[in-house]
Amino acid sequence: MRKIPMRKCVVTQEQLPKKELVRVVRTPEGNVVIDRTGRTNGRGAYLKKDPSIIELAKKKKALARALECEIDDSLYEELKEFMNG
């Protein structure tokens, strides 16, 4: 049997399989992007694939704290679109 990689959501603090989360990365250049491949260089933070979690992350500033930088509102909109397909 293969081991399933687990990661922690920065909002809910739940341990979940990596596939159920979306990774957001602060690149070495300082840009904050959605990591669609799971391989982008930089500091990463995971969010549960749930639109209500995005709202909570925005309200609690969980992503800003995890990535140690300011997060633009446009990234939250991009995350919602990414999760809706």
PDB file of N, CA and C in Angstrom:
ATOM      1  N   MET A   1       0.821  -1.195   0.000  1.00  0.00           N
ATOM      2  CA  MET A   1       0.000   0.000   0.000  1.00  0.00           C
ATOM      3  C   MET A   1       0.865   1.259   0.000  1.00  0.00           C
ATOM      4  N   ARG A   2       0.405   2.264  -0.754  1.00  0.00           N
ATOM      5  CA  ARG A   2       1.144   3.519  -0.815  1.00  0.00           C
ATOM      6  C   ARG A   2       0.712   4.453   0.313  1.00  0.00           C
ATOM      7  N   LYS A   3       1.673   5.221   0.801  1.00  0.00           N
ATOM      8  CA  LYS A   3       1.388   6.192   1.850  1.00  0.00           C
ATOM      9  C   LYS A   3       0.725   7.418   1.223  1.00  0.00           C
ATOM     10  N   ILE A   4      -0.334   7.940   1.848  1.00  0.00           N
ATOM     11  CA  ILE A   4      -1.020   9.126   1.337  1.00  0.00           C
ATOM     12  C   ILE A   4      -0.421  10.346   2.018  1.00  0.00           C
ATOM     13  N   PRO A   5       0.144  11.300   1.223  1.00  0.00           N
ATOM     14  CA  PRO A   5       0.723  12.485   1.847  1.00  0.00           C
ATOM     15  C   PRO A   5      -0.363  13.343   2.506  1.00  0.00           C
ATOM     16  N   MET A   6      -0.147  13.695   3.770  1.00  0.00           N
ATOM     17  CA  MET A   6      -1.103  14.506   4.520  1.00  0.00           C
ATOM     18  C   MET A   6      -0.528  15.905   4.731  1.00  0.00           C
ATOM     19  N   ARG A   7      -1.402  16.902   4.681  1.00  0.00           N
ATOM     20  CA  ARG A   7      -1.009  18.282   4.930  1.00  0.00           C
ATOM     21  C   ARG A   7      -2.058  18.938   5.819  1.00  0.00           C
ATOM     22  N   LYS A   8      -1.688  20.033   6.463  1.00  0.00           N
ATOM     23  CA  LYS A   8      -2.605  20.712   7.389  1.00  0.00           C
ATOM     24  C   LYS A   8      -3.145  21.999   6.766  1.00  0.00           C
ATOM     25  N   CYS A   9      -4.462  22.166   6.826  1.00  0.00           N
ATOM     26  CA  CYS A   9      -5.118  23.390   6.371  1.00  0.00           C
ATOM     27  C   CYS A   9      -4.778  24.506   7.355  1.00  0.00           C
ATOM     28  N   VAL A  10      -4.338  25.679   6.846  1.00  0.00           N
ATOM     29  CA  VAL A  10      -3.943  26.776   7.729  1.00  0.00           C
ATOM     30  C   VAL A  10      -5.141  27.436   8.412  1.00  0.00           C
ATOM     31  N   VAL A  11      -6.356  27.179   7.929  1.00  0.00           N
ATOM     32  CA  VAL A  11      -7.555  27.776   8.527  1.00  0.00           C
ATOM     33  C   VAL A  11      -8.168  26.843   9.566  1.00  0.00           C
ATOM     34  N   THR A  12      -8.475  25.595   9.159  1.00  0.00           N
ATOM     35  CA  THR A  12      -9.178  24.667  10.048  1.00  0.00           C
ATOM     36  C   THR A  12      -8.234  23.842  10.927  1.00  0.00           C
ATOM     37  N   GLN A  13      -6.948  23.821  10.584  1.00  0.00           N
ATOM     38  CA  GLN A  13      -5.934  23.022  11.298  1.00  0.00           C
ATOM     39  C   GLN A  13      -6.186  21.524  11.174  1.00  0.00           C
ATOM     40  N   GLU A  14      -6.987  21.102  10.160  1.00  0.00           N
ATOM     41  CA  GLU A  14      -7.255  19.679   9.944  1.00  0.00           C
ATOM     42  C   GLU A  14      -6.130  19.056   9.130  1.00  0.00           C
ATOM     43  N   GLN A  15      -5.764  17.827   9.456  1.00  0.00           N
ATOM     44  CA  GLN A  15      -4.839  17.055   8.631  1.00  0.00           C
ATOM     45  C   GLN A  15      -5.671  16.384   7.541  1.00  0.00           C
ATOM     46  N   LEU A  16      -5.360  16.676   6.283  1.00  0.00           N
ATOM     47  CA  LEU A  16      -6.119  16.110   5.163  1.00  0.00           C
ATOM     48  C   LEU A  16      -5.172  15.596   4.094  1.00  0.00           C
ATOM     49  N   PRO A  17      -5.650  14.650   3.256  1.00  0.00           N
ATOM     50  CA  PRO A  17      -4.823  14.225   2.119  1.00  0.00           C
ATOM     51  C   PRO A  17      -4.514  15.423   1.220  1.00  0.00           C
ATOM     52  N   LYS A  18      -3.303  15.476   0.707  1.00  0.00           N
ATOM     53  CA  LYS A  18      -2.823  16.592  -0.116  1.00  0.00           C
ATOM     54  C   LYS A  18      -3.771  16.910  -1.278  1.00  0.00           C
ATOM     55  N   LYS A  19      -4.405  15.883  -1.849  1.00  0.00           N
ATOM     56  CA  LYS A  19      -5.296  16.065  -3.001  1.00  0.00           C
ATOM     57  C   LYS A  19      -6.558  16.857  -2.661  1.00  0.00           C
ATOM     58  N   GLU A  20      -6.939  16.894  -1.381  1.00  0.00           N
ATOM     59  CA  GLU A  20      -8.152  17.610  -0.953  1.00  0.00           C
ATOM     60  C   GLU A  20      -7.870  19.066  -0.594  1.00  0.00           C
ATOM     61  N   LEU A  21      -6.613  19.486  -0.803  1.00  0.00           N
ATOM     62  CA  LEU A  21      -6.212  20.845  -0.446  1.00  0.00           C
ATOM     63  C   LEU A  21      -5.671  21.578  -1.664  1.00  0.00           C
ATOM     64  N   VAL A  22      -5.681  22.898  -1.595  1.00  0.00           N
ATOM     65  CA  VAL A  22      -5.070  23.717  -2.639  1.00  0.00           C
ATOM     66  C   VAL A  22      -3.884  24.435  -1.996  1.00  0.00           C
ATOM     67  N   ARG A  23      -2.754  24.492  -2.716  1.00  0.00           N
ATOM     68  CA  ARG A  23      -1.535  25.100  -2.167  1.00  0.00           C
ATOM     69  C   ARG A  23      -1.384  26.512  -2.711  1.00  0.00           C
ATOM     70  N   VAL A  24      -1.108  27.429  -1.809  1.00  0.00           N
ATOM     71  CA  VAL A  24      -0.824  28.814  -2.171  1.00  0.00           C
ATOM     72  C   VAL A  24       0.628  29.063  -1.799  1.00  0.00           C
ATOM     73  N   VAL A  25       1.393  29.694  -2.712  1.00  0.00           N
ATOM     74  CA  VAL A  25       2.835  29.834  -2.525  1.00  0.00           C
ATOM     75  C   VAL A  25       3.276  31.289  -2.597  1.00  0.00           C
ATOM     76  N   ARG A  26       4.175  31.664  -1.672  1.00  0.00           N
ATOM     77  CA  ARG A  26       4.896  32.935  -1.809  1.00  0.00           C
ATOM     78  C   ARG A  26       6.230  32.584  -2.451  1.00  0.00           C
ATOM     79  N   THR A  27       6.410  33.023  -3.691  1.00  0.00           N
ATOM     80  CA  THR A  27       7.620  32.682  -4.436  1.00  0.00           C
ATOM     81  C   THR A  27       8.819  33.446  -3.873  1.00  0.00           C
ATOM     82  N   PRO A  28      10.038  33.007  -4.219  1.00  0.00           N
ATOM     83  CA  PRO A  28      11.232  33.731  -3.745  1.00  0.00           C
ATOM     84  C   PRO A  28      11.239  35.208  -4.176  1.00  0.00           C
ATOM     85  N   GLU A  29      10.540  35.537  -5.267  1.00  0.00           N
ATOM     86  CA  GLU A  29      10.465  36.933  -5.729  1.00  0.00           C
ATOM     87  C   GLU A  29       9.463  37.740  -4.910  1.00  0.00           C
ATOM     88  N   GLY A  30       8.632  37.059  -4.106  1.00  0.00           N
ATOM     89  CA  GLY A  30       7.665  37.752  -3.262  1.00  0.00           C
ATOM     90  C   GLY A  30       6.242  37.754  -3.810  1.00  0.00           C
ATOM     91  N   ASN A  31       6.008  37.099  -4.970  1.00  0.00           N
ATOM     92  CA  ASN A  31       4.657  37.002  -5.524  1.00  0.00           C
ATOM     93  C   ASN A  31       3.893  35.901  -4.802  1.00  0.00           C
ATOM     94  N   VAL A  32       2.591  36.089  -4.647  1.00  0.00           N
ATOM     95  CA  VAL A  32       1.754  35.049  -4.033  1.00  0.00           C
ATOM     96  C   VAL A  32       0.873  34.474  -5.134  1.00  0.00           C
ATOM     97  N   VAL A  33       1.003  33.170  -5.384  1.00  0.00           N
ATOM     98  CA  VAL A  33       0.281  32.512  -6.483  1.00  0.00           C
ATOM     99  C   VAL A  33      -0.342  31.205  -6.023  1.00  0.00           C
ATOM    100  N   ILE A  34      -1.349  30.739  -6.780  1.00  0.00           N
ATOM    101  CA  ILE A  34      -1.938  29.424  -6.546  1.00  0.00           C
ATOM    102  C   ILE A  34      -1.023  28.405  -7.211  1.00  0.00           C
ATOM    103  N   ASP A  35      -0.607  27.399  -6.459  1.00  0.00           N
ATOM    104  CA  ASP A  35       0.289  26.363  -6.977  1.00  0.00           C
ATOM    105  C   ASP A  35      -0.554  25.237  -7.551  1.00  0.00           C
ATOM    106  N   ARG A  36      -0.748  25.269  -8.857  1.00  0.00           N
ATOM    107  CA  ARG A  36      -1.589  24.263  -9.520  1.00  0.00           C
ATOM    108  C   ARG A  36      -0.870  22.920  -9.676  1.00  0.00           C
ATOM    109  N   THR A  37       0.480  22.929  -9.692  1.00  0.00           N
ATOM    110  CA  THR A  37       1.248  21.696  -9.900  1.00  0.00           C
ATOM    111  C   THR A  37       1.666  21.042  -8.584  1.00  0.00           C
ATOM    112  N   GLY A  38       1.762  21.829  -7.507  1.00  0.00           N
ATOM    113  CA  GLY A  38       2.250  21.302  -6.237  1.00  0.00           C
ATOM    114  C   GLY A  38       3.757  21.277  -6.164  1.00  0.00           C
ATOM    115  N   ARG A  39       4.421  21.915  -7.138  1.00  0.00           N
ATOM    116  CA  ARG A  39       5.876  21.869  -7.200  1.00  0.00           C
ATOM    117  C   ARG A  39       6.541  23.250  -7.250  1.00  0.00           C
ATOM    118  N   THR A  40       5.759  24.316  -7.178  1.00  0.00           N
ATOM    119  CA  THR A  40       6.321  25.660  -7.276  1.00  0.00           C
ATOM    120  C   THR A  40       7.239  25.944  -6.091  1.00  0.00           C
ATOM    121  N   ASN A  41       8.402  26.563  -6.373  1.00  0.00           N
ATOM    122  CA  ASN A  41       9.349  26.914  -5.314  1.00  0.00           C
ATOM    123  C   ASN A  41       8.793  28.025  -4.455  1.00  0.00           C
ATOM    124  N   GLY A  42       9.092  27.963  -3.176  1.00  0.00           N
ATOM    125  CA  GLY A  42       8.691  29.027  -2.267  1.00  0.00           C
ATOM    126  C   GLY A  42       7.999  28.486  -1.037  1.00  0.00           C
ATOM    127  N   ARG A  43       7.554  29.417  -0.200  1.00  0.00           N
ATOM    128  CA  ARG A  43       6.868  29.051   1.045  1.00  0.00           C
ATOM    129  C   ARG A  43       5.409  28.753   0.730  1.00  0.00           C
ATOM    130  N   GLY A  44       4.939  27.573   1.125  1.00  0.00           N
ATOM    131  CA  GLY A  44       3.587  27.150   0.793  1.00  0.00           C
ATOM    132  C   GLY A  44       2.664  27.086   1.994  1.00  0.00           C
ATOM    133  N   ALA A  45       1.377  27.262   1.714  1.00  0.00           N
ATOM    134  CA  ALA A  45       0.336  27.101   2.734  1.00  0.00           C
ATOM    135  C   ALA A  45      -0.825  26.393   2.064  1.00  0.00           C
ATOM    136  N   TYR A  46      -1.486  25.512   2.803  1.00  0.00           N
ATOM    137  CA  TYR A  46      -2.579  24.724   2.242  1.00  0.00           C
ATOM    138  C   TYR A  46      -3.934  25.187   2.765  1.00  0.00           C
ATOM    139  N   LEU A  47      -4.924  25.173   1.857  1.00  0.00           N
ATOM    140  CA  LEU A  47      -6.303  25.503   2.201  1.00  0.00           C
ATOM    141  C   LEU A  47      -7.213  24.386   1.741  1.00  0.00           C
ATOM    142  N   LYS A  48      -8.193  24.056   2.547  1.00  0.00           N
ATOM    143  CA  LYS A  48      -9.201  23.061   2.187  1.00  0.00           C
ATOM    144  C   LYS A  48      -9.985  23.572   0.980  1.00  0.00           C
ATOM    145  N   LYS A  49     -10.316  22.668   0.053  1.00  0.00           N
ATOM    146  CA  LYS A  49     -11.062  23.049  -1.152  1.00  0.00           C
ATOM    147  C   LYS A  49     -12.536  23.263  -0.815  1.00  0.00           C
ATOM    148  N   ASP A  50     -12.826  24.418  -0.212  1.00  0.00           N
ATOM    149  CA  ASP A  50     -14.175  24.743   0.226  1.00  0.00           C
ATOM    150  C   ASP A  50     -14.315  26.269   0.215  1.00  0.00           C
ATOM    151  N   PRO A  51     -15.271  26.811  -0.566  1.00  0.00           N
ATOM    152  CA  PRO A  51     -15.407  28.275  -0.662  1.00  0.00           C
ATOM    153  C   PRO A  51     -15.594  28.974   0.689  1.00  0.00           C
ATOM    154  N   SER A  52     -16.247  28.321   1.652  1.00  0.00           N
ATOM    155  CA  SER A  52     -16.438  28.958   2.956  1.00  0.00           C
ATOM    156  C   SER A  52     -15.107  29.102   3.699  1.00  0.00           C
ATOM    157  N   ILE A  53     -14.173  28.197   3.422  1.00  0.00           N
ATOM    158  CA  ILE A  53     -12.850  28.261   4.048  1.00  0.00           C
ATOM    159  C   ILE A  53     -12.072  29.460   3.514  1.00  0.00           C
ATOM    160  N   ILE A  54     -12.278  29.789   2.234  1.00  0.00           N
ATOM    161  CA  ILE A  54     -11.606  30.958   1.640  1.00  0.00           C
ATOM    162  C   ILE A  54     -12.052  32.233   2.365  1.00  0.00           C
ATOM    163  N   GLU A  55     -13.365  32.331   2.631  1.00  0.00           N
ATOM    164  CA  GLU A  55     -13.891  33.494   3.347  1.00  0.00           C
ATOM    165  C   GLU A  55     -13.288  33.578   4.745  1.00  0.00           C
ATOM    166  N   LEU A  56     -13.199  32.419   5.419  1.00  0.00           N
ATOM    167  CA  LEU A  56     -12.617  32.374   6.759  1.00  0.00           C
ATOM    168  C   LEU A  56     -11.144  32.776   6.738  1.00  0.00           C
ATOM    169  N   ALA A  57     -10.410  32.298   5.735  1.00  0.00           N
ATOM    170  CA  ALA A  57      -8.988  32.620   5.604  1.00  0.00           C
ATOM    171  C   ALA A  57      -8.805  34.126   5.438  1.00  0.00           C
ATOM    172  N   LYS A  58      -9.701  34.729   4.658  1.00  0.00           N
ATOM    173  CA  LYS A  58      -9.639  36.170   4.421  1.00  0.00           C
ATOM    174  C   LYS A  58      -9.923  36.929   5.722  1.00  0.00           C
ATOM    175  N   LYS A  59     -10.963  36.482   6.441  1.00  0.00           N
ATOM    176  CA  LYS A  59     -11.381  37.147   7.672  1.00  0.00           C
ATOM    177  C   LYS A  59     -10.320  37.024   8.777  1.00  0.00           C
ATOM    178  N   LYS A  60      -9.774  35.806   8.922  1.00  0.00           N
ATOM    179  CA  LYS A  60      -8.793  35.553   9.985  1.00  0.00           C
ATOM    180  C   LYS A  60      -7.369  35.945   9.594  1.00  0.00           C
ATOM    181  N   LYS A  61      -7.162  36.296   8.310  1.00  0.00           N
ATOM    182  CA  LYS A  61      -5.828  36.591   7.772  1.00  0.00           C
ATOM    183  C   LYS A  61      -4.875  35.400   7.958  1.00  0.00           C
ATOM    184  N   ALA A  62      -5.421  34.192   7.825  1.00  0.00           N
ATOM    185  CA  ALA A  62      -4.641  32.961   8.035  1.00  0.00           C
ATOM    186  C   ALA A  62      -3.550  32.797   6.985  1.00  0.00           C
ATOM    187  N   LEU A  63      -3.874  33.114   5.715  1.00  0.00           N
ATOM    188  CA  LEU A  63      -2.867  32.993   4.651  1.00  0.00           C
ATOM    189  C   LEU A  63      -1.746  34.004   4.848  1.00  0.00           C
ATOM    190  N   ALA A  64      -2.104  35.235   5.192  1.00  0.00           N
ATOM    191  CA  ALA A  64      -1.097  36.282   5.414  1.00  0.00           C
ATOM    192  C   ALA A  64      -0.129  35.866   6.519  1.00  0.00           C
ATOM    193  N   ARG A  65      -0.680  35.253   7.572  1.00  0.00           N
ATOM    194  CA  ARG A  65       0.156  34.807   8.694  1.00  0.00           C
ATOM    195  C   ARG A  65       1.055  33.647   8.270  1.00  0.00           C
ATOM    196  N   ALA A  66       0.492  32.688   7.549  1.00  0.00           N
ATOM    197  CA  ALA A  66       1.250  31.495   7.149  1.00  0.00           C
ATOM    198  C   ALA A  66       2.353  31.829   6.144  1.00  0.00           C
ATOM    199  N   LEU A  67       2.062  32.753   5.234  1.00  0.00           N
ATOM    200  CA  LEU A  67       3.038  33.100   4.192  1.00  0.00           C
ATOM    201  C   LEU A  67       3.898  34.307   4.576  1.00  0.00           C
ATOM    202  N   GLU A  68       3.601  34.906   5.719  1.00  0.00           N
ATOM    203  CA  GLU A  68       4.373  36.035   6.235  1.00  0.00           C
ATOM    204  C   GLU A  68       4.446  37.204   5.251  1.00  0.00           C
ATOM    205  N   CYS A  69       3.295  37.530   4.631  1.00  0.00           N
ATOM    206  CA  CYS A  69       3.224  38.673   3.725  1.00  0.00           C
ATOM    207  C   CYS A  69       1.765  39.090   3.558  1.00  0.00           C
ATOM    208  N   GLU A  70       1.547  40.261   2.946  1.00  0.00           N
ATOM    209  CA  GLU A  70       0.188  40.735   2.698  1.00  0.00           C
ATOM    210  C   GLU A  70      -0.428  39.958   1.537  1.00  0.00           C
ATOM    211  N   ILE A  71      -1.719  39.650   1.626  1.00  0.00           N
ATOM    212  CA  ILE A  71      -2.426  38.929   0.570  1.00  0.00           C
ATOM    213  C   ILE A  71      -3.444  39.877  -0.060  1.00  0.00           C
ATOM    214  N   ASP A  72      -3.359  40.014  -1.387  1.00  0.00           N
ATOM    215  CA  ASP A  72      -4.279  40.888  -2.115  1.00  0.00           C
ATOM    216  C   ASP A  72      -5.648  40.215  -2.245  1.00  0.00           C
ATOM    217  N   ASP A  73      -6.727  41.019  -2.217  1.00  0.00           N
ATOM    218  CA  ASP A  73      -8.090  40.485  -2.337  1.00  0.00           C
ATOM    219  C   ASP A  73      -8.296  39.712  -3.635  1.00  0.00           C
ATOM    220  N   SER A  74      -7.571  40.091  -4.696  1.00  0.00           N
ATOM    221  CA  SER A  74      -7.731  39.416  -5.990  1.00  0.00           C
ATOM    222  C   SER A  74      -7.335  37.936  -5.902  1.00  0.00           C
ATOM    223  N   LEU A  75      -6.405  37.603  -5.009  1.00  0.00           N
ATOM    224  CA  LEU A  75      -5.996  36.198  -4.850  1.00  0.00           C
ATOM    225  C   LEU A  75      -7.146  35.371  -4.288  1.00  0.00           C
ATOM    226  N   TYR A  76      -7.908  35.946  -3.358  1.00  0.00           N
ATOM    227  CA  TYR A  76      -9.047  35.220  -2.786  1.00  0.00           C
ATOM    228  C   TYR A  76     -10.108  34.962  -3.860  1.00  0.00           C
ATOM    229  N   GLU A  77     -10.316  35.966  -4.752  1.00  0.00           N
ATOM    230  CA  GLU A  77     -11.265  35.795  -5.859  1.00  0.00           C
ATOM    231  C   GLU A  77     -10.775  34.690  -6.798  1.00  0.00           C
ATOM    232  N   GLU A  78      -9.471  34.704  -7.086  1.00  0.00           N
ATOM    233  CA  GLU A  78      -8.864  33.693  -7.963  1.00  0.00           C
ATOM    234  C   GLU A  78      -9.014  32.301  -7.348  1.00  0.00           C
ATOM    235  N   LEU A  79      -8.844  32.201  -6.027  1.00  0.00           N
ATOM    236  CA  LEU A  79      -9.007  30.915  -5.325  1.00  0.00           C
ATOM    237  C   LEU A  79     -10.436  30.395  -5.456  1.00  0.00           C
ATOM    238  N   LYS A  80     -11.418  31.294  -5.310  1.00  0.00           N
ATOM    239  CA  LYS A  80     -12.830  30.884  -5.433  1.00  0.00           C
ATOM    240  C   LYS A  80     -13.109  30.345  -6.839  1.00  0.00           C
ATOM    241  N   GLU A  81     -12.594  31.051  -7.857  1.00  0.00           N
ATOM    242  CA  GLU A  81     -12.787  30.606  -9.248  1.00  0.00           C
ATOM    243  C   GLU A  81     -12.120  29.254  -9.471  1.00  0.00           C
ATOM    244  N   PHE A  82     -10.915  29.090  -8.926  1.00  0.00           N
ATOM    245  CA  PHE A  82     -10.157  27.836  -9.066  1.00  0.00           C
ATOM    246  C   PHE A  82     -10.927  26.672  -8.456  1.00  0.00           C
ATOM    247  N   MET A  83     -11.567  26.892  -7.299  1.00  0.00           N
ATOM    248  CA  MET A  83     -12.304  25.822  -6.624  1.00  0.00           C
ATOM    249  C   MET A  83     -13.631  25.505  -7.307  1.00  0.00           C
ATOM    250  N   ASN A  84     -14.212  26.492  -7.965  1.00  0.00           N
ATOM    251  CA  ASN A  84     -15.490  26.254  -8.658  1.00  0.00           C
ATOM    252  C   ASN A  84     -15.287  25.566 -10.000  1.00  0.00           C
ATOM    253  N   GLY A  85     -14.056  25.401 -10.409  1.00  0.00           N
ATOM    254  CA  GLY A  85     -13.796  24.633 -11.616  1.00  0.00           C
ATOM    255  C   GLY A  85     -13.346  25.477 -12.735  1.00  0.00           C
TER     256      GLY A  85
END
